[in-house]
Amino acid sequence: MTRNLYLGADMEPLARAARTGDRSALVDAASVVWATVVKTDFPARAEALAREIEEAQPLLVGLQEVSLFRTGPVGSSSGTPPNADDVKYDYLKILSQQLQERGLPYKPVAVNENFGVEFPGVTAEGLRDIRLTDRDVILALTDPGTTVLKLSNVRTANFSRNVSLLIGQTGLSVSLTRGWCSVDVTAGDRRLRFINTHLDPYDNEIQGLQSEELLNGPAKTDLPVILLGDFNTRADGTGTPTYGKLISAGFKDAWSVTHPNEPGYTFGHLPNLSNTTTDGYLAERIDLVLFRGALSALDSGVVGEELSARTPSGLWPSDHAGVVATLGRQ
């Protein structure tokens, strides 16, 4: 399964305010972002996400945008290392608790820390520094009674090329670092490499360079490879060239193999997750399960796109839908 959990708000207004260097605009934007994060209620969404995992029963899950939000006294600027340490939302901990309550023995086996940003904004406690840390995570089903997977060679890394967010005319910038995590998996007498990633959505050239780092890094192996995540490249070829580059490198797309000529859209819910239909919203397929080597796609499906997937208050579990694929021997 690949599942983008959603940061909880659209960060672009915050980025625009940061680029102006106007402190009041930055505080206003950060305050709106924080209010949206609170409103999109990850604890409730985590319950819906755990229900998806319970129903699909994947052996391995690649998660993106596994946010960690912390706050602290105002006193650090964007040019200094973030220092807010009062945890408000730890998406990994919250989701793990929901899985545990369902008796589902999923454990994080790889956690990759990506970018971190900290800006002043108004919270329920007044003006505070609000700190976001972005992470990618691999979960594995660890119950020896239900799986025979053996895991080894856990690796995490950040890409060397990333987008930088300029802070006004200060000469300072924040790197919006992204990366990947991987684990080698043994099932019986078969081994493969499982890679989870989240590519840059803002700069096509940098996104392409990040895909090359994947191909020349963790995916450069004689093992069969499952490469999944939020690639921010449309699988219909109308977006960036990254999807075509990965397919040209020998990867197959589990959805395309099992559902030829079906859209399988996975992205586009409103930032506040309040839309009451997917029509006109889910309109891009950017969440992918790719595979290469001695593997074949037996089945795949989109999860979290039905109205019944929403929380009791009507929130979608994420601004993305997820993808579950069953891969087997070739």
Protein backbone atom coordinates (compact mmCIF):
# COMPACT_ATOMS: atom_id res chain seq x y z
CA MET A 1 0.00 0.00 0.00
CA THR A 2 1.08 3.55 -0.67
CA ARG A 3 -0.67 6.28 1.33
CA ASN A 4 -0.03 10.00 1.52
CA LEU A 5 -1.37 11.14 4.91
CA TYR A 6 -1.57 14.85 3.94
CA LEU A 7 0.20 17.53 5.95
CA GLY A 8 -3.19 18.90 6.97
CA ALA A 9 -3.19 22.21 5.06
CA ASP A 10 -2.09 23.79 1.81
CA MET A 11 1.37 25.21 2.50
CA GLU A 12 1.62 27.35 -0.65
CA PRO A 13 0.19 30.54 0.97
CA LEU A 14 2.82 30.20 3.68
CA ALA A 15 5.55 29.81 1.08
CA ARG A 16 4.33 32.90 -0.79
CA ALA A 17 4.35 34.93 2.42
CA ALA A 18 7.86 33.71 3.27
CA ARG A 19 9.13 34.80 -0.12
CA THR A 20 7.87 38.36 0.49
CA GLY A 21 9.81 38.63 3.75
CA ASP A 22 6.84 40.49 5.30
CA ARG A 23 6.61 39.29 8.90
CA SER A 24 2.96 40.24 9.35
CA ALA A 25 2.03 38.40 6.15
CA LEU A 26 4.02 35.42 7.37
CA VAL A 27 2.22 35.38 10.73
CA ASP A 28 -1.16 35.67 9.00
CA ALA A 29 -0.38 32.82 6.60
CA ALA A 30 1.04 30.56 9.32
CA SER A 31 -2.03 31.23 11.47
CA VAL A 32 -4.36 30.17 8.64
CA VAL A 33 -2.27 27.06 7.99
CA TRP A 34 -2.37 26.07 11.65
CA ALA A 35 -6.12 26.64 11.89
CA THR A 36 -6.59 24.37 8.86
CA VAL A 37 -4.33 21.68 10.36
CA VAL A 38 -6.48 21.71 13.49
CA LYS A 39 -9.70 21.67 11.45
CA THR A 40 -8.62 18.77 9.25
CA ASP A 41 -8.34 16.77 12.48
CA PHE A 42 -5.68 14.12 11.93
CA PRO A 43 -6.76 12.02 14.94
CA ALA A 44 -10.13 11.49 13.25
CA ARG A 45 -8.52 10.93 9.86
CA ALA A 46 -6.10 8.44 11.39
CA GLU A 47 -9.05 6.32 12.46
CA ALA A 48 -10.27 6.23 8.85
CA LEU A 49 -6.78 5.46 7.57
CA ALA A 50 -6.37 2.62 10.06
CA ARG A 51 -9.69 1.23 8.87
CA GLU A 52 -8.36 1.21 5.30
CA ILE A 53 -5.27 -0.71 6.40
CA GLU A 54 -7.40 -3.14 8.39
CA GLU A 55 -9.58 -3.87 5.37
CA ALA A 56 -6.71 -4.17 2.87
CA GLN A 57 -4.29 -6.11 5.14
CA PRO A 58 -1.12 -5.10 3.24
CA LEU A 59 2.15 -6.68 4.33
CA LEU A 60 4.05 -3.45 3.68
CA VAL A 61 2.88 0.17 3.67
CA GLY A 62 4.70 3.21 2.33
CA LEU A 63 3.54 6.44 4.00
CA GLN A 64 4.29 10.00 2.92
CA GLU A 65 3.67 13.35 4.66
CA VAL A 66 3.87 11.74 8.07
CA SER A 67 3.85 15.08 9.80
CA LEU A 68 5.23 16.05 13.18
CA PHE A 69 3.90 19.41 14.41
CA ARG A 70 5.47 21.13 17.38
CA THR A 71 5.13 24.59 18.87
CA GLY A 72 7.31 26.75 21.08
CA PRO A 73 7.89 30.31 22.25
CA VAL A 74 8.40 32.87 19.54
CA GLY A 75 12.11 33.54 19.29
CA SER A 76 13.61 31.74 16.33
CA SER A 77 13.56 32.92 12.76
CA SER A 78 13.45 30.86 9.58
CA GLY A 79 17.18 31.22 9.27
CA THR A 80 17.99 29.52 12.56
CA PRO A 81 17.60 25.82 13.38
CA PRO A 82 14.01 25.07 14.40
CA ASN A 83 13.73 24.77 18.17
CA ALA A 84 10.01 24.40 19.02
CA ASP A 85 9.64 21.11 20.89
CA ASP A 86 6.10 20.99 22.34
CA VAL A 87 4.52 18.15 20.34
CA LYS A 88 0.99 18.89 19.14
CA TYR A 89 0.46 16.26 16.42
CA ASP A 90 2.71 13.29 15.78
CA TYR A 91 1.00 11.61 12.82
CA LEU A 92 3.06 8.43 13.12
CA LYS A 93 2.28 8.00 16.80
CA ILE A 94 -1.42 8.76 16.29
CA LEU A 95 -1.79 6.32 13.39
CA SER A 96 0.20 3.65 15.22
CA GLN A 97 -2.14 3.96 18.20
CA GLN A 98 -5.17 3.53 15.96
CA LEU A 99 -3.64 0.41 14.42
CA GLN A 100 -2.78 -0.95 17.84
CA GLU A 101 -6.35 -0.41 19.07
CA ARG A 102 -7.51 -2.60 16.18
CA GLY A 103 -5.05 -5.31 17.12
CA LEU A 104 -3.07 -4.73 13.92
CA PRO A 105 0.65 -5.45 14.51
CA TYR A 106 2.14 -2.88 12.13
CA LYS A 107 5.47 -1.40 13.14
CA PRO A 108 7.54 1.38 11.56
CA VAL A 109 10.66 -0.26 10.16
CA ALA A 110 12.07 2.81 8.36
CA VAL A 111 11.52 6.49 9.14
CA ASN A 112 13.12 9.13 6.94
CA GLU A 113 13.11 12.74 8.11
CA ASN A 114 12.77 15.29 5.33
CA PHE A 115 12.32 19.05 5.49
CA GLY A 116 11.66 21.05 8.62
CA VAL A 117 10.21 24.56 8.75
CA GLU A 118 9.30 26.86 11.63
CA PHE A 119 7.29 30.06 11.42
CA PRO A 120 5.42 32.26 13.93
CA GLY A 121 1.65 31.99 13.94
CA VAL A 122 -1.38 32.31 16.17
CA THR A 123 -2.51 29.14 17.96
CA ALA A 124 -4.97 28.48 20.76
CA GLU A 125 -2.10 29.46 23.10
CA GLY A 126 -1.49 32.77 21.35
CA LEU A 127 1.44 33.71 19.13
CA ARG A 128 3.83 30.75 18.96
CA ASP A 129 6.47 29.34 16.70
CA ILE A 130 4.92 26.49 14.72
CA ARG A 131 7.31 23.79 13.57
CA LEU A 132 6.60 21.16 10.92
CA THR A 133 8.83 18.14 10.27
CA ASP A 134 7.98 16.04 7.23
CA ARG A 135 8.72 12.29 7.20
CA ASP A 136 8.37 9.20 5.00
CA VAL A 137 7.72 5.90 6.76
CA ILE A 138 7.58 2.20 5.93
CA LEU A 139 5.23 0.11 8.05
CA ALA A 140 5.47 -3.68 8.08
CA LEU A 141 3.08 -6.32 9.37
CA THR A 142 5.18 -7.96 12.06
CA ASP A 143 2.93 -10.68 13.49
CA PRO A 144 4.82 -13.95 12.93
CA GLY A 145 1.49 -15.77 12.84
CA THR A 146 0.29 -13.90 9.78
CA THR A 147 3.41 -13.15 7.76
CA VAL A 148 6.69 -14.82 6.91
CA LEU A 149 8.49 -11.64 5.89
CA LYS A 150 12.05 -11.14 7.06
CA LEU A 151 13.35 -7.61 6.86
CA SER A 152 16.94 -6.40 6.54
CA ASN A 153 19.16 -3.66 5.15
CA VAL A 154 16.98 -0.74 6.22
CA ARG A 155 18.15 2.47 4.52
CA THR A 156 17.02 6.10 4.60
CA ALA A 157 18.38 9.09 2.72
CA ASN A 158 17.58 12.58 1.51
CA PHE A 159 17.99 13.68 -2.09
CA SER A 160 20.99 15.84 -2.87
CA ARG A 161 18.90 18.15 -5.05
CA ASN A 162 15.92 19.90 -3.47
CA VAL A 163 13.89 23.07 -3.86
CA SER A 164 14.90 26.01 -1.64
CA LEU A 165 12.38 28.45 -0.22
CA LEU A 166 13.84 31.98 -0.19
CA ILE A 167 12.98 34.17 2.82
CA GLY A 168 12.36 37.66 1.44
CA GLN A 169 15.52 39.66 0.80
CA THR A 170 17.37 38.25 3.78
CA GLY A 171 19.58 35.97 1.72
CA LEU A 172 18.33 33.09 3.87
CA SER A 173 16.51 30.05 2.55
CA VAL A 174 14.91 26.83 3.76
CA SER A 175 15.61 23.63 1.84
CA LEU A 176 12.42 21.66 1.21
CA THR A 177 14.33 18.41 1.51
CA ARG A 178 12.74 15.17 0.34
CA GLY A 179 14.01 11.61 0.24
CA TRP A 180 13.34 7.91 0.39
CA CYS A 181 13.46 4.89 2.65
CA SER A 182 13.90 1.22 1.76
CA VAL A 183 14.04 -2.25 3.22
CA ASP A 184 15.07 -5.61 1.77
CA VAL A 185 12.37 -8.23 2.18
CA THR A 186 12.74 -12.02 2.24
CA ALA A 187 9.63 -14.15 1.78
CA GLY A 188 10.41 -17.85 1.64
CA ASP A 189 13.22 -18.23 -0.88
CA ARG A 190 12.50 -14.91 -2.62
CA ARG A 191 14.06 -11.52 -1.91
CA LEU A 192 13.10 -8.05 -3.09
CA ARG A 193 13.73 -4.40 -2.26
CA PHE A 194 10.84 -2.20 -1.13
CA ILE A 195 11.35 1.56 -1.66
CA ASN A 196 9.05 4.37 -0.52
CA THR A 197 9.51 7.94 -1.76
CA HIS A 198 7.92 11.37 -2.21
CA LEU A 199 9.22 13.45 -5.12
CA ASP A 200 9.21 17.24 -5.35
CA PRO A 201 5.98 18.79 -6.70
CA TYR A 202 7.29 22.29 -7.45
CA ASP A 203 10.25 22.03 -9.83
CA ASN A 204 10.16 19.63 -12.78
CA GLU A 205 13.93 19.58 -13.24
CA ILE A 206 14.62 18.84 -9.59
CA GLN A 207 11.92 16.16 -9.58
CA GLY A 208 13.65 14.51 -12.53
CA LEU A 209 17.01 14.64 -10.76
CA GLN A 210 15.46 13.05 -7.70
CA SER A 211 14.10 10.20 -9.82
CA GLU A 212 17.58 9.67 -11.23
CA GLU A 213 18.94 9.45 -7.67
CA LEU A 214 16.42 6.70 -7.01
CA LEU A 215 17.42 4.81 -10.16
CA ASN A 216 21.13 5.16 -9.41
CA GLY A 217 20.72 4.57 -5.69
CA PRO A 218 18.34 2.19 -3.91
CA ALA A 219 16.79 0.92 -7.16
CA LYS A 220 20.21 -0.01 -8.58
CA THR A 221 20.13 -3.64 -7.54
CA ASP A 222 19.79 -7.11 -9.01
CA LEU A 223 16.91 -7.73 -6.62
CA PRO A 224 13.31 -7.35 -7.79
CA VAL A 225 12.15 -3.88 -6.75
CA ILE A 226 8.87 -2.43 -5.57
CA LEU A 227 9.06 1.36 -5.84
CA LEU A 228 6.03 3.22 -4.55
CA GLY A 229 4.96 6.57 -3.20
CA ASP A 230 3.71 10.00 -4.18
CA PHE A 231 5.67 10.78 -7.34
CA ASN A 232 3.93 14.06 -8.23
CA THR A 233 4.07 13.04 -11.89
CA ARG A 234 0.91 12.19 -13.78
CA ALA A 235 0.76 8.65 -15.07
CA ASP A 236 -1.13 9.75 -18.21
CA GLY A 237 1.94 11.60 -19.46
CA THR A 238 0.36 15.07 -19.30
CA GLY A 239 2.53 16.27 -16.44
CA THR A 240 6.25 15.97 -15.82
CA PRO A 241 8.48 13.50 -17.73
CA THR A 242 9.36 11.60 -14.54
CA TYR A 243 6.76 8.86 -14.98
CA GLY A 244 8.04 8.09 -18.49
CA LYS A 245 11.61 8.04 -17.23
CA LEU A 246 10.79 5.43 -14.59
CA ILE A 247 8.89 3.27 -17.06
CA SER A 248 11.78 3.54 -19.53
CA ALA A 249 14.07 2.29 -16.76
CA GLY A 250 12.18 -0.99 -16.75
CA PHE A 251 9.49 -0.38 -14.16
CA LYS A 252 5.92 -1.49 -14.68
CA ASP A 253 2.89 0.19 -13.16
CA ALA A 254 0.68 -2.17 -11.13
CA TRP A 255 -2.44 -0.13 -11.86
CA SER A 256 -1.82 0.03 -15.60
CA VAL A 257 -1.18 -3.72 -15.73
CA THR A 258 -4.30 -4.71 -13.82
CA HIS A 259 -6.65 -1.88 -14.88
CA PRO A 260 -5.66 -0.86 -18.43
CA ASN A 261 -7.50 2.22 -19.70
CA GLU A 262 -9.02 2.99 -16.28
CA PRO A 263 -8.09 6.37 -14.74
CA GLY A 264 -7.46 5.29 -11.12
CA TYR A 265 -7.25 8.90 -9.94
CA THR A 266 -5.64 9.46 -6.55
CA PHE A 267 -5.26 13.20 -5.97
CA GLY A 268 -7.24 16.39 -5.74
CA HIS A 269 -9.50 16.72 -2.68
CA LEU A 270 -9.95 20.25 -1.36
CA PRO A 271 -7.25 21.38 1.12
CA ASN A 272 -9.87 21.46 3.90
CA LEU A 273 -11.06 17.96 2.83
CA SER A 274 -14.69 19.12 2.78
CA ASN A 275 -15.78 18.31 -0.80
CA THR A 276 -18.80 16.00 -0.86
CA THR A 277 -17.96 14.27 -4.15
CA THR A 278 -14.86 13.12 -6.01
CA ASP A 279 -16.18 14.42 -9.34
CA GLY A 280 -13.94 17.25 -10.48
CA TYR A 281 -11.61 16.77 -7.52
CA LEU A 282 -9.79 13.46 -7.86
CA ALA A 283 -8.39 14.10 -11.33
CA GLU A 284 -4.73 13.00 -11.27
CA ARG A 285 -3.00 9.64 -10.80
CA ILE A 286 0.28 10.46 -9.07
CA ASP A 287 0.34 7.82 -6.30
CA LEU A 288 1.96 4.76 -7.84
CA VAL A 289 3.04 1.21 -7.14
CA LEU A 290 5.82 0.40 -9.62
CA PHE A 291 7.72 -2.87 -9.86
CA ARG A 292 10.65 -4.37 -11.76
CA GLY A 293 12.25 -7.79 -11.95
CA ALA A 294 10.79 -11.22 -11.26
CA LEU A 295 7.43 -9.91 -10.10
CA SER A 296 3.98 -9.69 -11.64
CA ALA A 297 0.96 -7.58 -10.73
CA LEU A 298 -1.94 -9.80 -9.68
CA ASP A 299 -4.36 -7.11 -8.53
CA SER A 300 -4.57 -3.46 -7.49
CA GLY A 301 -7.14 -1.04 -6.20
CA VAL A 302 -7.69 2.53 -5.09
CA VAL A 303 -8.68 3.04 -1.44
CA GLY A 304 -10.12 6.06 0.36
CA GLU A 305 -12.01 7.41 -2.66
CA GLU A 306 -15.53 6.31 -1.64
CA LEU A 307 -17.84 8.57 0.37
CA SER A 308 -17.96 5.86 3.02
CA ALA A 309 -14.21 6.37 3.61
CA ARG A 310 -14.78 9.78 5.20
CA THR A 311 -14.74 10.55 8.91
CA PRO A 312 -18.05 10.95 10.80
CA SER A 313 -17.69 14.74 10.41
CA GLY A 314 -17.33 14.41 6.63
CA LEU A 315 -13.55 14.78 6.18
CA TRP A 316 -11.70 12.74 3.59
CA PRO A 317 -8.85 10.69 5.13
CA SER A 318 -6.37 12.71 3.03
CA ASP A 319 -6.24 14.96 0.00
CA HIS A 320 -4.98 11.80 -1.75
CA ALA A 321 -6.52 8.40 -2.20
CA GLY A 322 -4.26 5.39 -1.64
CA VAL A 323 -3.26 2.44 -3.81
CA VAL A 324 -3.03 -1.20 -2.76
CA ALA A 325 -1.38 -3.76 -5.05
CA THR A 326 -0.85 -7.50 -4.85
CA LEU A 327 2.42 -8.58 -6.42
CA GLY A 328 3.58 -12.16 -6.85
CA ARG A 329 5.97 -14.44 -8.64
CA GLN A 330 6.45 -13.84 -12.32
